PDB file of N, CA and C in Angstrom:
ATOM      1  N   MET A   1       0.828  -1.192   0.000  1.00  0.00           N
ATOM      2  CA  MET A   1       0.000   0.000   0.000  1.00  0.00           C
ATOM      3  C   MET A   1       0.866   1.247   0.000  1.00  0.00           C
ATOM      4  N   GLY A   2       2.137   1.106  -0.240  1.00  0.00           N
ATOM      5  CA  GLY A   2       3.011   2.282  -0.310  1.00  0.00           C
ATOM      6  C   GLY A   2       3.363   2.809   1.064  1.00  0.00           C
ATOM      7  N   ASN A   3       3.400   4.116   1.193  1.00  0.00           N
ATOM      8  CA  ASN A   3       3.760   4.745   2.463  1.00  0.00           C
ATOM      9  C   ASN A   3       2.588   4.900   3.414  1.00  0.00           C
ATOM     10  N   TYR A   4       1.429   4.460   3.007  1.00  0.00           N
ATOM     11  CA  TYR A   4       0.260   4.590   3.868  1.00  0.00           C
ATOM     12  C   TYR A   4       0.410   3.684   5.083  1.00  0.00           C
ATOM     13  N   ARG A   5       0.096   4.235   6.235  1.00  0.00           N
ATOM     14  CA  ARG A   5       0.103   3.473   7.483  1.00  0.00           C
ATOM     15  C   ARG A   5      -1.013   4.041   8.356  1.00  0.00           C
ATOM     16  N   PRO A   6      -1.489   3.286   9.323  1.00  0.00           N
ATOM     17  CA  PRO A   6      -2.574   3.812  10.157  1.00  0.00           C
ATOM     18  C   PRO A   6      -2.138   5.096  10.873  1.00  0.00           C
ATOM     19  N   ILE A   7      -3.062   6.039  10.992  1.00  0.00           N
ATOM     20  CA  ILE A   7      -2.786   7.243  11.779  1.00  0.00           C
ATOM     21  C   ILE A   7      -3.931   7.443  12.769  1.00  0.00           C
ATOM     22  N   LYS A   8      -3.667   8.191  13.802  1.00  0.00           N
ATOM     23  CA  LYS A   8      -4.673   8.469  14.829  1.00  0.00           C
ATOM     24  C   LYS A   8      -5.857   9.198  14.205  1.00  0.00           C
ATOM     25  N   THR A   9      -7.037   8.814  14.634  1.00  0.00           N
ATOM     26  CA  THR A   9      -8.250   9.418  14.100  1.00  0.00           C
ATOM     27  C   THR A   9      -8.282  10.914  14.372  1.00  0.00           C
ATOM     28  N   ARG A  10      -7.868  11.321  15.565  1.00  0.00           N
ATOM     29  CA  ARG A  10      -7.876  12.751  15.893  1.00  0.00           C
ATOM     30  C   ARG A  10      -6.985  13.557  14.957  1.00  0.00           C
ATOM     31  N   LEU A  11      -5.836  13.007  14.596  1.00  0.00           N
ATOM     32  CA  LEU A  11      -4.941  13.700  13.663  1.00  0.00           C
ATOM     33  C   LEU A  11      -5.575  13.824  12.280  1.00  0.00           C
ATOM     34  N   PHE A  12      -6.243  12.767  11.841  1.00  0.00           N
ATOM     35  CA  PHE A  12      -6.874  12.816  10.532  1.00  0.00           C
ATOM     36  C   PHE A  12      -8.011  13.834  10.512  1.00  0.00           C
ATOM     37  N   ILE A  13      -8.752  13.941  11.612  1.00  0.00           N
ATOM     38  CA  ILE A  13      -9.819  14.937  11.711  1.00  0.00           C
ATOM     39  C   ILE A  13      -9.237  16.348  11.651  1.00  0.00           C
ATOM     40  N   LYS A  14      -8.125  16.578  12.345  1.00  0.00           N
ATOM     41  CA  LYS A  14      -7.474  17.889  12.289  1.00  0.00           C
ATOM     42  C   LYS A  14      -6.992  18.195  10.877  1.00  0.00           C
ATOM     43  N   PHE A  15      -6.507  17.165  10.176  1.00  0.00           N
ATOM     44  CA  PHE A  15      -6.089  17.344   8.795  1.00  0.00           C
ATOM     45  C   PHE A  15      -7.271  17.741   7.918  1.00  0.00           C
ATOM     46  N   LEU A  16      -8.401  17.060   8.086  1.00  0.00           N
ATOM     47  CA  LEU A  16      -9.590  17.402   7.310  1.00  0.00           C
ATOM     48  C   LEU A  16     -10.020  18.842   7.572  1.00  0.00           C
ATOM     49  N   GLU A  17      -9.986  19.241   8.844  1.00  0.00           N
ATOM     50  CA  GLU A  17     -10.362  20.611   9.181  1.00  0.00           C
ATOM     51  C   GLU A  17      -9.403  21.618   8.550  1.00  0.00           C
ATOM     52  N   SER A  18      -8.123  21.287   8.483  1.00  0.00           N
ATOM     53  CA  SER A  18      -7.154  22.194   7.869  1.00  0.00           C
ATOM     54  C   SER A  18      -7.350  22.307   6.356  1.00  0.00           C
ATOM     55  N   CYS A  19      -8.032  21.324   5.767  1.00  0.00           N
ATOM     56  CA  CYS A  19      -8.326  21.331   4.330  1.00  0.00           C
ATOM     57  C   CYS A  19      -9.713  21.910   4.051  1.00  0.00           C
ATOM     58  N   HIS A  20     -10.271  22.640   5.006  1.00  0.00           N
ATOM     59  CA  HIS A  20     -11.570  23.310   4.872  1.00  0.00           C
ATOM     60  C   HIS A  20     -12.735  22.334   4.775  1.00  0.00           C
ATOM     61  N   CYS A  21     -12.582  21.164   5.393  1.00  0.00           N
ATOM     62  CA  CYS A  21     -13.681  20.210   5.457  1.00  0.00           C
ATOM     63  C   CYS A  21     -14.458  20.449   6.747  1.00  0.00           C
ATOM     64  N   TYR A  22     -15.720  20.106   6.732  1.00  0.00           N
ATOM     65  CA  TYR A  22     -16.548  20.252   7.921  1.00  0.00           C
ATOM     66  C   TYR A  22     -17.412  19.008   8.083  1.00  0.00           C
ATOM     67  N   ARG A  23     -17.722  18.704   9.344  1.00  0.00           N
ATOM     68  CA  ARG A  23     -18.508  17.507   9.636  1.00  0.00           C
ATOM     69  C   ARG A  23     -19.989  17.814   9.472  1.00  0.00           C
ATOM     70  N   LEU A  24     -20.677  16.933   8.795  1.00  0.00           N
ATOM     71  CA  LEU A  24     -22.122  17.070   8.608  1.00  0.00           C
ATOM     72  C   LEU A  24     -22.850  16.549   9.841  1.00  0.00           C
ATOM     73  N   PRO A  25     -24.000  17.131  10.161  1.00  0.00           N
ATOM     74  CA  PRO A  25     -24.774  16.607  11.298  1.00  0.00           C
ATOM     75  C   PRO A  25     -25.257  15.189  11.002  1.00  0.00           C
ATOM     76  N   LYS A  26     -25.333  14.390  12.044  1.00  0.00           N
ATOM     77  CA  LYS A  26     -25.779  12.996  11.877  1.00  0.00           C
ATOM     78  C   LYS A  26     -27.273  12.962  11.578  1.00  0.00           C
ATOM     79  N   LYS A  27     -27.642  12.098  10.632  1.00  0.00           N
ATOM     80  CA  LYS A  27     -29.050  11.935  10.279  1.00  0.00           C
ATOM     81  C   LYS A  27     -29.643  10.691  10.919  1.00  0.00           C
ATOM     82  N   SER A  28     -28.777   9.776  11.311  1.00  0.00           N
ATOM     83  CA  SER A  28     -29.261   8.540  11.921  1.00  0.00           C
ATOM     84  C   SER A  28     -28.301   8.139  13.032  1.00  0.00           C
ATOM     85  N   GLY A  29     -28.561   7.034  13.650  1.00  0.00           N
ATOM     86  CA  GLY A  29     -27.747   6.578  14.766  1.00  0.00           C
ATOM     87  C   GLY A  29     -26.555   5.739  14.360  1.00  0.00           C
ATOM     88  N   GLY A  30     -26.080   5.862  13.141  1.00  0.00           N
ATOM     89  CA  GLY A  30     -24.952   5.058  12.673  1.00  0.00           C
ATOM     90  C   GLY A  30     -23.650   5.432  13.359  1.00  0.00           C
ATOM     91  N   SER A  31     -22.614   4.650  13.119  1.00  0.00           N
ATOM     92  CA  SER A  31     -21.331   4.864  13.781  1.00  0.00           C
ATOM     93  C   SER A  31     -20.357   5.693  12.945  1.00  0.00           C
ATOM     94  N   HIS A  32     -20.707   5.997  11.715  1.00  0.00           N
ATOM     95  CA  HIS A  32     -19.813   6.749  10.841  1.00  0.00           C
ATOM     96  C   HIS A  32     -20.241   8.207  10.760  1.00  0.00           C
ATOM     97  N   PHE A  33     -19.243   9.074  10.608  1.00  0.00           N
ATOM     98  CA  PHE A  33     -19.508  10.493  10.422  1.00  0.00           C
ATOM     99  C   PHE A  33     -19.133  10.863   8.998  1.00  0.00           C
ATOM    100  N   HIS A  34     -19.869  11.814   8.454  1.00  0.00           N
ATOM    101  CA  HIS A  34     -19.626  12.270   7.090  1.00  0.00           C
ATOM    102  C   HIS A  34     -19.047  13.675   7.134  1.00  0.00           C
ATOM    103  N   TRP A  35     -18.045  13.887   6.304  1.00  0.00           N
ATOM    104  CA  TRP A  35     -17.378  15.174   6.184  1.00  0.00           C
ATOM    105  C   TRP A  35     -17.570  15.679   4.769  1.00  0.00           C
ATOM    106  N   LYS A  36     -17.635  16.960   4.621  1.00  0.00           N
ATOM    107  CA  LYS A  36     -17.859  17.582   3.320  1.00  0.00           C
ATOM    108  C   LYS A  36     -16.851  18.707   3.143  1.00  0.00           C
ATOM    109  N   ARG A  37     -16.587  19.039   1.919  1.00  0.00           N
ATOM    110  CA  ARG A  37     -15.708  20.154   1.572  1.00  0.00           C
ATOM    111  C   ARG A  37     -16.396  20.922   0.452  1.00  0.00           C
ATOM    112  N   PRO A  38     -16.391  22.254   0.495  1.00  0.00           N
ATOM    113  CA  PRO A  38     -17.048  23.009  -0.573  1.00  0.00           C
ATOM    114  C   PRO A  38     -16.537  22.571  -1.949  1.00  0.00           C
ATOM    115  N   GLY A  39     -17.465  22.350  -2.859  1.00  0.00           N
ATOM    116  CA  GLY A  39     -17.118  21.933  -4.212  1.00  0.00           C
ATOM    117  C   GLY A  39     -17.097  20.436  -4.426  1.00  0.00           C
ATOM    118  N   LEU A  40     -17.215  19.650  -3.375  1.00  0.00           N
ATOM    119  CA  LEU A  40     -17.215  18.187  -3.511  1.00  0.00           C
ATOM    120  C   LEU A  40     -18.640  17.665  -3.624  1.00  0.00           C
ATOM    121  N   LYS A  41     -18.853  16.718  -4.506  1.00  0.00           N
ATOM    122  CA  LYS A  41     -20.167  16.088  -4.623  1.00  0.00           C
ATOM    123  C   LYS A  41     -20.266  14.877  -3.704  1.00  0.00           C
ATOM    124  N   ARG A  42     -19.132  14.271  -3.420  1.00  0.00           N
ATOM    125  CA  ARG A  42     -19.099  13.047  -2.618  1.00  0.00           C
ATOM    126  C   ARG A  42     -18.636  13.376  -1.203  1.00  0.00           C
ATOM    127  N   ARG A  43     -19.139  12.620  -0.235  1.00  0.00           N
ATOM    128  CA  ARG A  43     -18.752  12.843   1.159  1.00  0.00           C
ATOM    129  C   ARG A  43     -17.547  11.993   1.539  1.00  0.00           C
ATOM    130  N   ILE A  44     -16.828  12.461   2.557  1.00  0.00           N
ATOM    131  CA  ILE A  44     -15.734  11.706   3.154  1.00  0.00           C
ATOM    132  C   ILE A  44     -16.331  11.036   4.386  1.00  0.00           C
ATOM    133  N   THR A  45     -16.156   9.740   4.511  1.00  0.00           N
ATOM    134  CA  THR A  45     -16.772   8.993   5.601  1.00  0.00           C
ATOM    135  C   THR A  45     -15.695   8.360   6.469  1.00  0.00           C
ATOM    136  N   ILE A  46     -15.785   8.629   7.769  1.00  0.00           N
ATOM    137  CA  ILE A  46     -14.862   7.984   8.711  1.00  0.00           C
ATOM    138  C   ILE A  46     -15.633   7.566   9.958  1.00  0.00           C
ATOM    139  N   ARG A  47     -15.081   6.600  10.643  1.00  0.00           N
ATOM    140  CA  ARG A  47     -15.660   6.139  11.902  1.00  0.00           C
ATOM    141  C   ARG A  47     -14.815   6.729  13.023  1.00  0.00           C
ATOM    142  N   GLU A  48     -15.336   7.750  13.672  1.00  0.00           N
ATOM    143  CA  GLU A  48     -14.568   8.478  14.671  1.00  0.00           C
ATOM    144  C   GLU A  48     -14.395   7.715  15.971  1.00  0.00           C
ATOM    145  N   ALA A  49     -15.148   6.644  16.175  1.00  0.00           N
ATOM    146  CA  ALA A  49     -15.018   5.849  17.395  1.00  0.00           C
ATOM    147  C   ALA A  49     -13.733   5.025  17.395  1.00  0.00           C
ATOM    148  N   ASP A  50     -13.166   4.757  16.228  1.00  0.00           N
ATOM    149  CA  ASP A  50     -11.923   3.993  16.140  1.00  0.00           C
ATOM    150  C   ASP A  50     -10.737   4.863  16.545  1.00  0.00           C
ATOM    151  N   LYS A  51      -9.721   4.249  17.115  1.00  0.00           N
ATOM    152  CA  LYS A  51      -8.525   4.992  17.520  1.00  0.00           C
ATOM    153  C   LYS A  51      -7.656   5.374  16.340  1.00  0.00           C
ATOM    154  N   GLU A  52      -7.647   4.520  15.316  1.00  0.00           N
ATOM    155  CA  GLU A  52      -6.812   4.764  14.138  1.00  0.00           C
ATOM    156  C   GLU A  52      -7.618   4.557  12.865  1.00  0.00           C
ATOM    157  N   ILE A  53      -7.173   5.238  11.821  1.00  0.00           N
ATOM    158  CA  ILE A  53      -7.778   5.082  10.499  1.00  0.00           C
ATOM    159  C   ILE A  53      -6.878   4.123   9.713  1.00  0.00           C
ATOM    160  N   PRO A  54      -7.434   3.028   9.171  1.00  0.00           N
ATOM    161  CA  PRO A  54      -6.622   2.069   8.409  1.00  0.00           C
ATOM    162  C   PRO A  54      -6.080   2.674   7.109  1.00  0.00           C
ATOM    163  N   PRO A  55      -4.966   2.145   6.613  1.00  0.00           N
ATOM    164  CA  PRO A  55      -4.339   2.691   5.404  1.00  0.00           C
ATOM    165  C   PRO A  55      -5.270   2.787   4.194  1.00  0.00           C
ATOM    166  N   PHE A  56      -6.090   1.766   3.961  1.00  0.00           N
ATOM    167  CA  PHE A  56      -6.970   1.802   2.796  1.00  0.00           C
ATOM    168  C   PHE A  56      -7.991   2.937   2.901  1.00  0.00           C
ATOM    169  N   HIS A  57      -8.495   3.192   4.110  1.00  0.00           N
ATOM    170  CA  HIS A  57      -9.460   4.274   4.308  1.00  0.00           C
ATOM    171  C   HIS A  57      -8.786   5.633   4.115  1.00  0.00           C
ATOM    172  N   ILE A  58      -7.552   5.754   4.536  1.00  0.00           N
ATOM    173  CA  ILE A  58      -6.807   7.000   4.310  1.00  0.00           C
ATOM    174  C   ILE A  58      -6.689   7.247   2.816  1.00  0.00           C
ATOM    175  N   LYS A  59      -6.304   6.203   2.089  1.00  0.00           N
ATOM    176  CA  LYS A  59      -6.113   6.336   0.638  1.00  0.00           C
ATOM    177  C   LYS A  59      -7.398   6.784  -0.054  1.00  0.00           C
ATOM    178  N   THR A  60      -8.514   6.134   0.225  1.00  0.00           N
ATOM    179  CA  THR A  60      -9.767   6.487  -0.436  1.00  0.00           C
ATOM    180  C   THR A  60     -10.274   7.854   0.021  1.00  0.00           C
ATOM    181  N   ASN A  61     -10.070   8.196   1.291  1.00  0.00           N
ATOM    182  CA  ASN A  61     -10.532   9.493   1.777  1.00  0.00           C
ATOM    183  C   ASN A  61      -9.664  10.642   1.282  1.00  0.00           C
ATOM    184  N   LEU A  62      -8.450  10.380   0.871  1.00  0.00           N
ATOM    185  CA  LEU A  62      -7.629  11.415   0.250  1.00  0.00           C
ATOM    186  C   LEU A  62      -7.999  11.585  -1.222  1.00  0.00           C
ATOM    187  N   GLU A  63      -8.420  10.514  -1.879  1.00  0.00           N
ATOM    188  CA  GLU A  63      -8.788  10.591  -3.291  1.00  0.00           C
ATOM    189  C   GLU A  63     -10.078  11.389  -3.500  1.00  0.00           C
ATOM    190  N   THR A  64     -11.002  11.315  -2.565  1.00  0.00           N
ATOM    191  CA  THR A  64     -12.283  12.010  -2.718  1.00  0.00           C
ATOM    192  C   THR A  64     -12.108  13.517  -2.906  1.00  0.00           C
ATOM    193  N   PRO A  65     -11.329  14.205  -2.041  1.00  0.00           N
ATOM    194  CA  PRO A  65     -11.148  15.653  -2.247  1.00  0.00           C
ATOM    195  C   PRO A  65      -9.932  15.991  -3.118  1.00  0.00           C
ATOM    196  N   ASN A  66      -9.413  15.036  -3.876  1.00  0.00           N
ATOM    197  CA  ASN A  66      -8.245  15.241  -4.745  1.00  0.00           C
ATOM    198  C   ASN A  66      -7.015  15.707  -3.973  1.00  0.00           C
ATOM    199  N   LEU A  67      -6.798  15.125  -2.804  1.00  0.00           N
ATOM    200  CA  LEU A  67      -5.592  15.405  -2.026  1.00  0.00           C
ATOM    201  C   LEU A  67      -4.590  14.290  -2.268  1.00  0.00           C
ATOM    202  N   LYS A  68      -3.339  14.585  -1.992  1.00  0.00           N
ATOM    203  CA  LYS A  68      -2.273  13.603  -2.169  1.00  0.00           C
ATOM    204  C   LYS A  68      -1.731  13.195  -0.805  1.00  0.00           C
ATOM    205  N   PHE A  69      -1.079  12.039  -0.778  1.00  0.00           N
ATOM    206  CA  PHE A  69      -0.476  11.564   0.468  1.00  0.00           C
ATOM    207  C   PHE A  69       0.567  12.562   0.965  1.00  0.00           C
ATOM    208  N   GLU A  70       1.231  13.270   0.046  1.00  0.00           N
ATOM    209  CA  GLU A  70       2.245  14.261   0.429  1.00  0.00           C
ATOM    210  C   GLU A  70       1.615  15.394   1.231  1.00  0.00           C
ATOM    211  N   ASP A  71       0.361  15.755   0.931  1.00  0.00           N
ATOM    212  CA  ASP A  71      -0.339  16.790   1.701  1.00  0.00           C
ATOM    213  C   ASP A  71      -0.520  16.340   3.148  1.00  0.00           C
ATOM    214  N   LEU A  72      -0.889  15.090   3.320  1.00  0.00           N
ATOM    215  CA  LEU A  72      -1.058  14.551   4.668  1.00  0.00           C
ATOM    216  C   LEU A  72       0.284  14.470   5.383  1.00  0.00           C
ATOM    217  N   GLU A  73       1.328  14.008   4.699  1.00  0.00           N
ATOM    218  CA  GLU A  73       2.656  13.927   5.313  1.00  0.00           C
ATOM    219  C   GLU A  73       3.141  15.291   5.765  1.00  0.00           C
ATOM    220  N   LYS A  74       2.946  16.304   4.922  1.00  0.00           N
ATOM    221  CA  LYS A  74       3.374  17.662   5.262  1.00  0.00           C
ATOM    222  C   LYS A  74       2.632  18.152   6.511  1.00  0.00           C
ATOM    223  N   PHE A  75       1.339  17.857   6.601  1.00  0.00           N
ATOM    224  CA  PHE A  75       0.562  18.244   7.773  1.00  0.00           C
ATOM    225  C   PHE A  75       1.063  17.544   9.026  1.00  0.00           C
ATOM    226  N   LEU A  76       1.381  16.246   8.912  1.00  0.00           N
ATOM    227  CA  LEU A  76       1.826  15.475  10.076  1.00  0.00           C
ATOM    228  C   LEU A  76       3.201  15.919  10.563  1.00  0.00           C
ATOM    229  N   LYS A  77       4.029  16.471   9.688  1.00  0.00           N
ATOM    230  CA  LYS A  77       5.353  16.921  10.097  1.00  0.00           C
ATOM    231  C   LYS A  77       5.315  18.234  10.867  1.00  0.00           C
ATOM    232  N   LYS A  78       4.216  18.969  10.754  1.00  0.00           N
ATOM    233  CA  LYS A  78       4.096  20.256  11.467  1.00  0.00           C
ATOM    234  C   LYS A  78       4.056  20.058  12.951  1.00  0.00           C
TER     235      LYS A  78
END
């Protein structure tokens, strides 16, 4: 899977917020939260109850808003 590795959910949420994403209000009692970014038609979905986000979920959630892994790496180095 390349350089992708699990990261803490809180860090990924902070990354999403730094990319101008915002969490949508929950419509049902499900365990996943949906995030949106202006200009996106598709939502970013993560399960905030988990301690870490798996590599595959990171990869797909970066592809939705056209972000690259390098953007996430740069954020994590700050």
